[in-house]
Amino acid sequence: MIGDSEDMLRRGKALIPRGWFPDQSPTLDSVLSGFADVAAHCYDLLGFVGRQSRLASSSGAFLDLSAYDFFGLRVRRKKGQSDDSFRQTILKEIFRERVTRAGIKRAVEDLTGLEARMFEPFNARDTGGLDTGYLGFDMVGRFGAVDMPRQIFIATLNPVGAGIPRAPGFDDGLGGLDVAPEQFGDLSKVLGPVTQQDIYDTINATRAAGVTAWVAIGLPAEARLDVDFILDQSELVGP
């Protein structure tokens, strides 16, 4: 194989003038094999270094270093997340749509795995209007405010603990194969702890300059004891 010890040994022997040594020379082969092993190691090392210089082929700690170079500590590998999964996370964040409402919503939902609700008081599409067929008290539409431009209210939920969002486990009475929200998962799908500061940082990295974002973070509406909420571990968040 190109670059292995045997290949390097053949290349080394090919450089020796013919006639200096017999065709079969165990002593010479032993000496040259030492150099061949070192050369093969250097060849592998150069290939490894080359792979780490590109995001598409880097791995391990070098992939984490790439994420740090781009985002600091804002984007980090989840516990048990594979290189391929983390690479997709980095690429998604690099090419993420920003400074738009849709971009903020998608960024928050990608982080938490839960739906984020958005409301702009200055946006008539959110508030509705009289005689428009799009307004019903306590049902559809909200009170707007023309004196609140460039402001947005974001309501999201903070996932508690770790797991795969919206996927129950065996023996919990909530899932059945092919008939309920049960699924086969792996460690790359596990959503690790997400702090409120993570949500704030994600919004700040996505919103446009000059836009004020008011954020409300709550617990899942249907939190389950020892599944979504762990006694003596989970954080209590007020309404």
Protein backbone atom coordinates (compact mmCIF):
# COMPACT_ATOMS: atom_id res chain seq x y z
CA MET A 1 0.00 0.00 0.00
CA ILE A 2 1.31 3.45 -0.85
CA GLY A 3 2.99 5.07 2.14
CA ASP A 4 3.21 2.00 4.40
CA SER A 5 6.48 0.56 5.75
CA GLU A 6 6.88 -1.99 2.96
CA ASP A 7 6.37 0.68 0.33
CA MET A 8 8.94 2.95 1.98
CA LEU A 9 11.39 0.05 2.22
CA ARG A 10 11.06 -0.64 -1.51
CA ARG A 11 11.60 3.03 -2.28
CA GLY A 12 14.69 3.16 -0.08
CA LYS A 13 16.27 0.08 -1.65
CA ALA A 14 15.57 1.48 -5.11
CA LEU A 15 17.85 4.43 -4.33
CA ILE A 16 20.88 2.20 -3.62
CA PRO A 17 23.20 1.70 -6.66
CA ARG A 18 22.99 -1.79 -8.13
CA GLY A 19 25.83 -4.11 -7.26
CA TRP A 20 26.57 -2.69 -3.84
CA PHE A 21 24.57 -5.38 -2.05
CA PRO A 22 23.19 -8.80 -3.06
CA ASP A 23 19.50 -9.12 -3.93
CA GLN A 24 18.87 -10.88 -0.63
CA SER A 25 20.41 -8.87 2.23
CA PRO A 26 18.64 -9.33 5.61
CA THR A 27 21.05 -7.01 7.39
CA LEU A 28 20.45 -4.20 4.91
CA ASP A 29 16.69 -4.78 5.05
CA SER A 30 16.78 -4.53 8.85
CA VAL A 31 18.62 -1.21 8.77
CA LEU A 32 16.44 0.27 6.05
CA SER A 33 13.26 -0.97 7.75
CA GLY A 34 13.94 1.37 10.66
CA PHE A 35 14.04 4.36 8.30
CA ALA A 36 11.02 3.00 6.43
CA ASP A 37 8.93 2.85 9.61
CA VAL A 38 9.77 6.47 10.42
CA ALA A 39 9.00 7.56 6.85
CA ALA A 40 5.65 5.72 6.92
CA HIS A 41 4.75 7.43 10.19
CA CYS A 42 5.61 10.84 8.71
CA TYR A 43 3.54 10.06 5.63
CA ASP A 44 0.52 9.17 7.78
CA LEU A 45 1.06 12.28 9.91
CA LEU A 46 1.14 14.54 6.85
CA GLY A 47 -2.10 12.99 5.62
CA PHE A 48 -3.71 13.51 9.03
CA VAL A 49 -2.58 17.15 9.16
CA GLY A 50 -3.97 17.72 5.69
CA ARG A 51 -7.35 16.32 6.69
CA GLN A 52 -7.55 18.55 9.76
CA SER A 53 -7.05 21.66 7.63
CA ARG A 54 -10.54 21.27 6.11
CA LEU A 55 -13.85 21.23 7.96
CA ALA A 56 -15.21 18.52 5.67
CA SER A 57 -12.51 16.05 6.74
CA SER A 58 -11.38 17.16 10.21
CA SER A 59 -12.17 14.98 13.21
CA GLY A 60 -11.99 14.71 16.97
CA ALA A 61 -10.57 17.64 18.92
CA PHE A 62 -9.68 19.44 15.67
CA LEU A 63 -13.38 19.60 14.79
CA ASP A 64 -14.08 21.12 18.20
CA LEU A 65 -11.25 23.59 17.56
CA SER A 66 -12.86 24.57 14.26
CA ALA A 67 -16.15 25.26 16.06
CA TYR A 68 -14.27 27.37 18.61
CA ASP A 69 -12.55 29.35 15.84
CA PHE A 70 -15.91 30.18 14.25
CA PHE A 71 -18.18 30.63 17.27
CA GLY A 72 -16.15 30.69 20.49
CA LEU A 73 -17.97 28.69 23.18
CA ARG A 74 -21.45 29.41 21.76
CA VAL A 75 -21.56 26.22 19.66
CA ARG A 76 -20.25 23.13 21.41
CA ARG A 77 -20.42 19.39 20.83
CA LYS A 78 -23.22 17.64 22.67
CA LYS A 79 -22.39 14.76 24.95
CA GLY A 80 -21.88 11.66 22.79
CA GLN A 81 -22.33 13.59 19.53
CA SER A 82 -20.43 12.01 16.64
CA ASP A 83 -18.03 13.89 14.37
CA ASP A 84 -20.40 13.70 11.39
CA SER A 85 -23.33 15.02 13.43
CA PHE A 86 -21.26 17.83 14.96
CA ARG A 87 -19.88 18.74 11.54
CA GLN A 88 -23.43 19.20 10.26
CA THR A 89 -24.20 21.37 13.30
CA ILE A 90 -21.22 23.60 12.50
CA LEU A 91 -22.10 23.86 8.81
CA LYS A 92 -25.73 24.65 9.61
CA GLU A 93 -24.62 27.42 11.96
CA ILE A 94 -22.13 28.87 9.47
CA PHE A 95 -24.74 29.13 6.70
CA ARG A 96 -27.67 29.94 8.99
CA GLU A 97 -30.16 32.57 7.86
CA ARG A 98 -29.70 35.60 10.10
CA VAL A 99 -31.20 39.05 10.83
CA THR A 100 -34.66 37.80 9.85
CA ARG A 101 -37.61 36.68 11.93
CA ALA A 102 -37.59 33.26 10.28
CA GLY A 103 -33.89 32.93 11.01
CA ILE A 104 -34.36 33.67 14.72
CA LYS A 105 -37.23 31.19 14.98
CA ARG A 106 -35.27 28.43 13.25
CA ALA A 107 -32.16 29.08 15.36
CA VAL A 108 -34.08 28.84 18.65
CA GLU A 109 -35.94 25.72 17.56
CA ASP A 110 -32.73 24.05 16.38
CA LEU A 111 -31.20 24.77 19.78
CA THR A 112 -34.07 23.64 21.99
CA GLY A 113 -35.86 21.13 19.76
CA LEU A 114 -39.12 22.85 20.75
CA GLU A 115 -41.43 25.33 19.03
CA ALA A 116 -40.75 29.06 19.43
CA ARG A 117 -43.61 31.59 19.16
CA MET A 118 -42.92 35.05 17.76
CA PHE A 119 -44.95 38.28 18.05
CA GLU A 120 -44.20 41.76 16.70
CA PRO A 121 -46.51 44.52 18.00
CA PHE A 122 -45.67 46.67 14.95
CA ASN A 123 -46.55 43.89 12.50
CA ALA A 124 -50.17 43.95 11.37
CA ARG A 125 -49.94 40.31 10.28
CA ASP A 126 -49.45 39.38 13.94
CA THR A 127 -52.07 41.68 15.43
CA GLY A 128 -54.85 41.43 12.88
CA GLY A 129 -57.29 44.33 12.48
CA LEU A 130 -60.94 45.32 12.78
CA ASP A 131 -63.13 44.39 9.80
CA THR A 132 -60.36 42.30 8.26
CA GLY A 133 -61.69 38.87 9.17
CA TYR A 134 -58.52 38.25 11.10
CA LEU A 135 -59.30 39.29 14.64
CA GLY A 136 -61.19 37.65 17.48
CA PHE A 137 -60.73 38.64 21.10
CA ASP A 138 -58.98 35.91 23.11
CA MET A 139 -58.83 33.76 19.98
CA VAL A 140 -56.97 35.34 17.05
CA GLY A 141 -54.96 38.55 16.99
CA ARG A 142 -53.30 40.68 19.66
CA PHE A 143 -53.09 44.34 20.50
CA GLY A 144 -50.42 46.05 18.43
CA ALA A 145 -48.41 49.17 19.12
CA VAL A 146 -47.10 51.56 16.48
CA ASP A 147 -44.73 53.02 19.06
CA MET A 148 -42.87 49.69 19.38
CA PRO A 149 -40.99 49.34 16.07
CA ARG A 150 -38.07 46.94 15.77
CA GLN A 151 -39.21 44.95 18.79
CA ILE A 152 -40.14 41.29 18.93
CA PHE A 153 -41.49 39.04 21.68
CA ILE A 154 -40.22 35.46 21.69
CA ALA A 155 -41.80 32.70 23.78
CA THR A 156 -39.93 29.42 23.96
CA LEU A 157 -39.50 26.45 26.25
CA ASN A 158 -36.34 25.34 27.97
CA PRO A 159 -35.78 21.57 27.56
CA VAL A 160 -35.09 19.95 30.90
CA GLY A 161 -32.49 17.22 31.33
CA ALA A 162 -31.26 15.31 28.30
CA GLY A 163 -32.91 13.06 25.76
CA ILE A 164 -34.36 13.05 22.27
CA PRO A 165 -37.09 15.72 21.96
CA ARG A 166 -40.65 14.42 21.75
CA ALA A 167 -39.47 10.80 21.87
CA PRO A 168 -40.60 8.73 24.87
CA GLY A 169 -38.80 5.61 25.99
CA PHE A 170 -39.74 1.97 26.36
CA ASP A 171 -42.16 1.02 29.15
CA ASP A 172 -43.41 4.58 29.66
CA GLY A 173 -46.89 3.95 28.29
CA LEU A 174 -46.63 6.69 25.67
CA GLY A 175 -45.20 4.90 22.68
CA GLY A 176 -45.74 1.90 20.49
CA LEU A 177 -43.76 0.85 17.45
CA ASP A 178 -45.19 2.46 14.31
CA VAL A 179 -48.22 3.85 16.14
CA ALA A 180 -46.96 6.59 18.47
CA PRO A 181 -44.04 9.02 18.82
CA GLU A 182 -41.61 6.17 19.38
CA GLN A 183 -38.42 6.08 17.36
CA PHE A 184 -35.07 4.41 17.10
CA GLY A 185 -32.42 6.88 18.20
CA ASP A 186 -28.71 7.18 18.78
CA LEU A 187 -26.41 9.41 20.81
CA SER A 188 -26.14 11.96 17.99
CA LYS A 189 -29.86 12.81 18.46
CA VAL A 190 -29.65 13.35 22.22
CA LEU A 191 -30.35 16.94 23.22
CA GLY A 192 -27.98 17.86 26.02
CA PRO A 193 -28.60 20.50 28.68
CA VAL A 194 -29.60 23.87 27.23
CA THR A 195 -29.35 26.84 29.56
CA GLN A 196 -31.31 30.05 29.36
CA GLN A 197 -28.07 31.85 28.53
CA ASP A 198 -27.64 29.53 25.52
CA ILE A 199 -31.03 30.71 24.24
CA TYR A 200 -30.17 34.37 24.80
CA ASP A 201 -26.81 33.96 23.07
CA THR A 202 -28.43 32.25 20.08
CA ILE A 203 -30.97 35.04 19.66
CA ASN A 204 -28.32 37.75 19.99
CA ALA A 205 -26.16 36.03 17.38
CA THR A 206 -29.09 35.87 14.94
CA ARG A 207 -31.12 39.08 15.38
CA ALA A 208 -30.38 42.23 13.43
CA ALA A 209 -28.58 45.13 15.08
CA GLY A 210 -31.08 47.60 16.51
CA VAL A 211 -33.78 44.99 17.09
CA THR A 212 -34.90 44.45 20.68
CA ALA A 213 -35.93 40.89 21.53
CA TRP A 214 -38.02 40.27 24.63
CA VAL A 215 -37.72 36.58 25.60
CA ALA A 216 -39.98 34.46 27.81
CA ILE A 217 -38.64 31.01 28.68
CA GLY A 218 -40.82 28.43 30.38
CA LEU A 219 -41.07 24.73 31.12
CA PRO A 220 -42.80 22.30 28.71
CA ALA A 221 -46.56 22.51 29.19
CA GLU A 222 -46.84 18.74 29.63
CA ALA A 223 -43.75 18.14 31.76
CA ARG A 224 -43.57 14.60 33.11
CA LEU A 225 -42.03 13.80 36.45
CA ASP A 226 -38.64 12.04 36.13
CA VAL A 227 -38.84 12.47 32.33
CA ASP A 228 -39.03 16.22 31.64
CA PHE A 229 -38.68 17.32 35.26
CA ILE A 230 -36.20 15.67 37.63
CA LEU A 231 -36.64 16.23 41.35
CA ASP A 232 -33.72 18.05 43.01
CA GLN A 233 -32.08 18.55 39.59
CA SER A 234 -34.30 20.47 37.21
CA GLU A 235 -34.43 24.26 37.35
CA LEU A 236 -37.68 25.88 38.45
CA VAL A 237 -38.75 28.59 36.00
CA GLY A 238 -41.61 30.89 36.82
CA PRO A 239 -44.41 31.83 34.42
